[in-house]
Amino acid sequence: MHQTSILLVEDEAIIRMMLVEMLEELGHRVIAEAGNVQDGRSLAEMEDFDLAILDINLDGQNVQPVAEAVAARGLPFLFVSGYGPTGVPEPFRGNQVLAKPYELTQLRNAIALTLSQKH
């Protein structure tokens, strides 16, 4: 299976660390991480990745600027949220939202689905 390089934007450090472990267990590689909108947007514009995983609520800020930067490059992304689809930025209502907490199989399926929609 192709190793997917991932940009991970999640404000909770513990959750981010757990997610990195889960992604590595699935055979993927997290190449960049951010905990806020500003860093996430910069990384989304500059880094070379196959998929972005974006927490919708970053310390009270909506992740929309990061999603826009990823979308502008034509790269796939999915949202994760503790609130379900609530808060998904309007232009991205069709994007997949993985509700927290999630299990390894749910994460694997969400990644596979997101990547399959782009090809």
Protein backbone atom coordinates (compact mmCIF):
# COMPACT_ATOMS: atom_id res chain seq x y z
CA MET A 1 0.00 0.00 0.00
CA HIS A 2 1.17 3.52 -0.80
CA GLN A 3 2.39 5.42 2.23
CA THR A 4 0.35 8.60 2.47
CA SER A 5 2.12 11.72 3.72
CA ILE A 6 -0.17 13.70 5.99
CA LEU A 7 -0.48 17.26 7.25
CA LEU A 8 -2.12 17.13 10.66
CA VAL A 9 -3.77 20.20 12.19
CA GLU A 10 -5.09 19.58 15.72
CA ASP A 11 -4.94 21.98 18.68
CA GLU A 12 -4.94 19.38 21.47
CA ALA A 13 -1.36 18.11 21.85
CA ILE A 14 -2.36 14.78 23.45
CA ILE A 15 -4.91 14.05 20.71
CA ARG A 16 -2.37 15.05 18.07
CA MET A 17 0.20 12.63 19.51
CA MET A 18 -2.35 9.81 19.64
CA LEU A 19 -3.42 10.53 16.07
CA VAL A 20 0.19 10.47 14.85
CA GLU A 21 0.57 7.02 16.46
CA MET A 22 -2.65 5.80 14.85
CA LEU A 23 -1.63 7.10 11.43
CA GLU A 24 1.80 5.47 11.69
CA GLU A 25 0.16 2.22 12.74
CA LEU A 26 -1.89 2.43 9.53
CA GLY A 27 1.33 2.83 7.53
CA HIS A 28 1.07 6.57 6.89
CA ARG A 29 3.58 9.27 7.69
CA VAL A 30 2.80 12.61 9.34
CA ILE A 31 5.16 15.07 7.66
CA ALA A 32 3.93 18.25 9.33
CA GLU A 33 1.85 19.17 12.38
CA ALA A 34 0.22 22.37 13.54
CA GLY A 35 -1.82 23.33 16.57
CA ASN A 36 -3.37 26.57 15.32
CA VAL A 37 -4.81 28.22 12.22
CA GLN A 38 -1.77 30.39 11.43
CA ASP A 39 0.77 27.54 11.50
CA GLY A 40 -1.65 25.20 9.77
CA ARG A 41 -2.21 27.62 6.93
CA SER A 42 1.52 28.20 6.42
CA LEU A 43 2.18 24.45 6.35
CA ALA A 44 -0.80 23.87 4.02
CA GLU A 45 0.68 26.37 1.57
CA MET A 46 4.29 25.13 1.71
CA GLU A 47 4.56 21.46 2.68
CA ASP A 48 4.44 18.53 0.30
CA PHE A 49 1.68 16.18 1.49
CA ASP A 50 -0.94 13.81 0.05
CA LEU A 51 -3.72 14.43 2.57
CA ALA A 52 -4.59 16.91 5.31
CA ILE A 53 -6.48 15.99 8.47
CA LEU A 54 -8.00 19.12 9.99
CA ASP A 55 -9.65 19.61 13.37
CA ILE A 56 -12.57 21.98 12.76
CA ASN A 57 -12.22 23.93 16.02
CA LEU A 58 -8.68 25.10 16.75
CA ASP A 59 -8.71 26.71 20.16
CA GLY A 60 -11.94 28.54 19.34
CA GLN A 61 -10.97 29.39 15.76
CA ASN A 62 -12.52 27.74 12.71
CA VAL A 63 -10.08 25.86 10.49
CA GLN A 64 -11.54 27.35 7.28
CA PRO A 65 -8.36 29.32 6.28
CA VAL A 66 -6.35 26.10 6.44
CA ALA A 67 -8.98 24.16 4.46
CA GLU A 68 -8.98 26.92 1.83
CA ALA A 69 -5.18 26.73 1.51
CA VAL A 70 -5.32 22.94 1.04
CA ALA A 71 -8.22 23.18 -1.43
CA ALA A 72 -6.42 25.89 -3.42
CA ARG A 73 -3.66 23.35 -4.08
CA GLY A 74 -6.18 20.73 -5.16
CA LEU A 75 -5.21 18.39 -2.33
CA PRO A 76 -7.65 16.17 -0.42
CA PHE A 77 -8.52 16.70 3.22
CA LEU A 78 -10.93 15.50 5.84
CA PHE A 79 -12.19 17.10 9.01
CA VAL A 80 -12.18 15.71 12.52
CA SER A 81 -14.44 17.15 15.17
CA GLY A 82 -15.73 16.53 18.63
CA TYR A 83 -18.95 18.23 17.53
CA GLY A 84 -19.75 16.15 14.43
CA PRO A 85 -20.46 18.12 11.26
CA THR A 86 -21.36 21.27 13.22
CA GLY A 87 -18.96 24.04 12.32
CA VAL A 88 -17.84 22.66 8.98
CA PRO A 89 -17.00 25.75 6.92
CA GLU A 90 -19.79 26.49 4.42
CA PRO A 91 -17.74 25.92 1.23
CA PHE A 92 -16.67 22.49 2.50
CA ARG A 93 -19.99 21.05 3.69
CA GLY A 94 -19.52 18.06 1.38
CA ASN A 95 -16.21 17.04 2.93
CA GLN A 96 -16.01 14.08 5.21
CA VAL A 97 -16.16 14.68 8.96
CA LEU A 98 -14.78 12.06 11.31
CA ALA A 99 -16.38 12.44 14.73
CA LYS A 100 -14.15 12.23 17.81
CA PRO A 101 -13.48 9.91 19.44
CA TYR A 102 -12.81 7.47 16.60
CA GLU A 103 -11.20 4.08 16.32
CA LEU A 104 -8.39 2.94 14.05
CA THR A 105 -10.75 1.29 11.55
CA GLN A 106 -12.88 4.44 11.29
CA LEU A 107 -9.76 6.50 10.66
CA ARG A 108 -8.51 4.04 8.03
CA ASN A 109 -11.89 4.07 6.27
CA ALA A 110 -12.14 7.87 6.35
CA ILE A 111 -8.67 8.23 4.81
CA ALA A 112 -9.38 5.63 2.13
CA LEU A 113 -12.69 7.27 1.24
CA THR A 114 -11.19 10.77 1.08
CA LEU A 115 -8.29 9.64 -1.10
CA SER A 116 -10.55 7.63 -3.41
CA GLN A 117 -12.76 10.67 -4.06
CA LYS A 118 -9.81 12.67 -5.38
CA HIS A 119 -8.61 10.17 -7.99
